[in-house]
Structures are given as structure tokens and as C-alpha cells.
C-alpha atoms as a PDB file:
ATOM      1  CA  MET A   1      17.419   6.458 -15.490  1.00  0.00           C
ATOM      2  CA  LYS A   2      17.207   5.771 -11.737  1.00  0.00           C
ATOM      3  CA  ASN A   3      14.520   8.429 -11.375  1.00  0.00           C
ATOM      4  CA  LYS A   4      12.367   6.831 -14.074  1.00  0.00           C
ATOM      5  CA  ILE A   5      12.686   3.389 -12.501  1.00  0.00           C
ATOM      6  CA  LEU A   6      11.725   4.646  -9.039  1.00  0.00           C
ATOM      7  CA  THR A   7       8.813   6.614 -10.476  1.00  0.00           C
ATOM      8  CA  SER A   8       7.627   3.570 -12.448  1.00  0.00           C
ATOM      9  CA  ILE A   9       7.739   1.336  -9.364  1.00  0.00           C
ATOM     10  CA  SER A  10       5.851   3.897  -7.291  1.00  0.00           C
ATOM     11  CA  THR A  11       3.255   4.311 -10.043  1.00  0.00           C
ATOM     12  CA  ILE A  12       2.675   0.552 -10.262  1.00  0.00           C
ATOM     13  CA  MET A  13       2.304   0.466  -6.487  1.00  0.00           C
ATOM     14  CA  LEU A  14      -0.622   2.889  -6.817  1.00  0.00           C
ATOM     15  CA  PHE A  15      -2.801   0.315  -8.538  1.00  0.00           C
ATOM     16  CA  VAL A  16      -1.946  -2.904  -6.668  1.00  0.00           C
ATOM     17  CA  PRO A  17      -4.187  -2.246  -3.617  1.00  0.00           C
ATOM     18  CA  TRP A  18      -7.220  -1.989  -5.882  1.00  0.00           C
ATOM     19  CA  THR A  19      -6.810  -5.631  -6.921  1.00  0.00           C
ATOM     20  CA  ILE A  20      -8.368  -6.619  -3.592  1.00  0.00           C
ATOM     21  CA  LEU A  21     -11.729  -5.593  -5.050  1.00  0.00           C
ATOM     22  CA  ILE A  22     -11.344  -8.235  -7.749  1.00  0.00           C
ATOM     23  CA  LEU A  23     -10.259 -10.921  -5.293  1.00  0.00           C
ATOM     24  CA  ARG A  24     -13.093 -10.158  -2.884  1.00  0.00           C
ATOM     25  CA  MET A  25     -15.652 -11.183  -5.529  1.00  0.00           C
ATOM     26  CA  PHE A  26     -14.832 -14.828  -4.846  1.00  0.00           C
ATOM     27  CA  ASP A  27     -16.530 -16.664  -1.990  1.00  0.00           C
ATOM     28  CA  TRP A  28     -13.295 -18.147  -0.658  1.00  0.00           C
ATOM     29  CA  ALA A  29     -11.885 -14.640  -0.137  1.00  0.00           C
ATOM     30  CA  LEU A  30     -14.734 -13.710   2.196  1.00  0.00           C
ATOM     31  CA  GLN A  31     -14.213 -16.549   4.667  1.00  0.00           C
ATOM     32  CA  SER A  32     -12.634 -15.755   8.006  1.00  0.00           C
ATOM     33  CA  PRO A  33      -8.978 -16.800   7.927  1.00  0.00           C
ATOM     34  CA  THR A  34      -8.481 -16.004   4.256  1.00  0.00           C
ATOM     35  CA  ALA A  35     -10.038 -12.545   4.510  1.00  0.00           C
ATOM     36  CA  GLU A  36      -7.916 -11.625   7.523  1.00  0.00           C
ATOM     37  CA  ILE A  37      -4.727 -12.799   5.848  1.00  0.00           C
ATOM     38  CA  MET A  38      -5.554 -10.936   2.630  1.00  0.00           C
ATOM     39  CA  ILE A  39      -6.319  -7.699   4.432  1.00  0.00           C
ATOM     40  CA  SER A  40      -3.124  -8.003   6.469  1.00  0.00           C
ATOM     41  CA  CYS A  41      -1.027  -8.615   3.374  1.00  0.00           C
ATOM     42  CA  TYR A  42      -2.581  -5.733   1.476  1.00  0.00           C
ATOM     43  CA  ALA A  43      -2.147  -3.420   4.471  1.00  0.00           C
ATOM     44  CA  ALA A  44       1.514  -4.438   4.786  1.00  0.00           C
ATOM     45  CA  PHE A  45       2.028  -3.814   1.070  1.00  0.00           C
ATOM     46  CA  MET A  46       0.385  -0.399   1.344  1.00  0.00           C
ATOM     47  CA  ILE A  47       2.661   0.532   4.245  1.00  0.00           C
ATOM     48  CA  PHE A  48       5.696  -0.684   2.300  1.00  0.00           C
ATOM     49  CA  SER A  49       4.685   1.264  -0.807  1.00  0.00           C
ATOM     50  CA  GLY A  50       4.249   4.424   1.238  1.00  0.00           C
ATOM     51  CA  ILE A  51       7.653   4.043   2.875  1.00  0.00           C
ATOM     52  CA  PHE A  52       9.283   3.198  -0.470  1.00  0.00           C
ATOM     53  CA  THR A  53       7.803   6.264  -2.150  1.00  0.00           C
ATOM     54  CA  ILE A  54       8.746   8.563   0.739  1.00  0.00           C
ATOM     55  CA  PHE A  55      12.344   7.337   0.663  1.00  0.00           C
ATOM     56  CA  SER A  56      12.494   7.554  -3.125  1.00  0.00           C
ATOM     57  CA  TYR A  57      11.260  11.124  -3.007  1.00  0.00           C
ATOM     58  CA  ALA A  58      13.438  12.227  -0.095  1.00  0.00           C
ATOM     59  CA  LYS A  59      16.662  10.258  -0.411  1.00  0.00           C
ATOM     60  CA  GLY A  60      16.554   9.482  -4.130  1.00  0.00           C
ATOM     61  CA  LYS A  61      15.692  13.082  -4.959  1.00  0.00           C
ATOM     62  CA  VAL A  62      13.055  12.074  -7.493  1.00  0.00           C
ATOM     63  CA  ARG A  63      11.037  15.291  -7.887  1.00  0.00           C
ATOM     64  CA  SER A  64       8.829  14.785 -10.943  1.00  0.00           C
ATOM     65  CA  SER A  65       5.163  15.749 -10.853  1.00  0.00           C
ATOM     66  CA  LEU A  66       4.093  12.105 -11.235  1.00  0.00           C
ATOM     67  CA  MET A  67       6.258  11.208  -8.257  1.00  0.00           C
ATOM     68  CA  ARG A  68       4.589  13.927  -6.188  1.00  0.00           C
ATOM     69  CA  ILE A  69       1.202  12.405  -6.975  1.00  0.00           C
ATOM     70  CA  CYS A  70       2.540   8.966  -6.069  1.00  0.00           C
ATOM     71  CA  LEU A  71       3.930  10.411  -2.834  1.00  0.00           C
ATOM     72  CA  VAL A  72       0.569  11.798  -1.753  1.00  0.00           C
ATOM     73  CA  VAL A  73      -1.475   8.739  -2.712  1.00  0.00           C
ATOM     74  CA  ASN A  74       0.973   6.152  -1.363  1.00  0.00           C
ATOM     75  CA  SER A  75       1.331   8.118   1.875  1.00  0.00           C
ATOM     76  CA  LEU A  76      -2.449   7.995   2.267  1.00  0.00           C
ATOM     77  CA  TYR A  77      -2.347   4.267   1.498  1.00  0.00           C
ATOM     78  CA  ALA A  78       0.293   3.811   4.199  1.00  0.00           C
ATOM     79  CA  ALA A  79      -1.806   5.700   6.743  1.00  0.00           C
ATOM     80  CA  PHE A  80      -4.870   3.599   5.923  1.00  0.00           C
ATOM     81  CA  GLY A  81      -2.746   0.434   6.069  1.00  0.00           C
ATOM     82  CA  VAL A  82      -1.554   1.291   9.566  1.00  0.00           C
ATOM     83  CA  PHE A  83      -5.138   2.085  10.532  1.00  0.00           C
ATOM     84  CA  ALA A  84      -6.402  -1.250   9.135  1.00  0.00           C
ATOM     85  CA  LEU A  85      -3.729  -3.246  10.958  1.00  0.00           C
ATOM     86  CA  ALA A  86      -4.439  -1.344  14.158  1.00  0.00           C
ATOM     87  CA  LEU A  87      -8.155  -2.132  13.869  1.00  0.00           C
ATOM     88  CA  MET A  88      -7.383  -5.798  13.316  1.00  0.00           C
ATOM     89  CA  TYR A  89      -4.741  -6.429  15.953  1.00  0.00           C
ATOM     90  CA  LEU A  90      -5.015  -3.839  18.745  1.00  0.00           C
ATOM     91  CA  PRO A  91      -8.408  -5.022  20.059  1.00  0.00           C
ATOM     92  CA  ASN A  92      -6.885  -8.492  20.465  1.00  0.00           C
ATOM     93  CA  LEU A  93      -4.134  -7.156  22.728  1.00  0.00           C
ATOM     94  CA  PHE A  94      -6.475  -5.746  25.370  1.00  0.00           C
END
């Protein structure tokens, strides 16, 4: 039962980052402070989903084939989330 719940959560987390495409159709989402906040929140969620899936796979010992797909995709999401946050905030530090 625990394995199915963790797999379901990881699977749902696969599709959440794509909702930014729907939100970005609105004019208010393209303005400066709102766009930066949205991208930061989505990047943080992508990093969290990657970490959650990695821990579920490693520590929770969830080894289904769907979970392996979620592991690969959410790990890529996490890498892109770190990259997006680095692009946004590292230039401001120097």
C-alpha cells in the first residue's frame, strides 16, 4: 500500500510543472515580479519532487517500472530546477 501511494504521488508530480504553460498564457503572469516568483516556485517544486522521488526509490524501496520512469523524469526536473534558480539568482550575487 505504501509503495502505491509513493508511486502515485511521484506520478502526479510529473505533470504539475507543465501547468506553468497554462498560467503563462495570461498577461499578468508575464509581468516582472509575478513571472520571477512563478518560475522560482515551480523550480523549487521541481527540486522537491526530484528529491522526494529519489528518497522514495532509495529509502522506501519502491522499485516498480512506473517509479523508475518517475525517478528519471523527476531527477531531470530537479536538475533543470537547480539550473533555473542558478540562472535567476547567481548573476545577482556577483
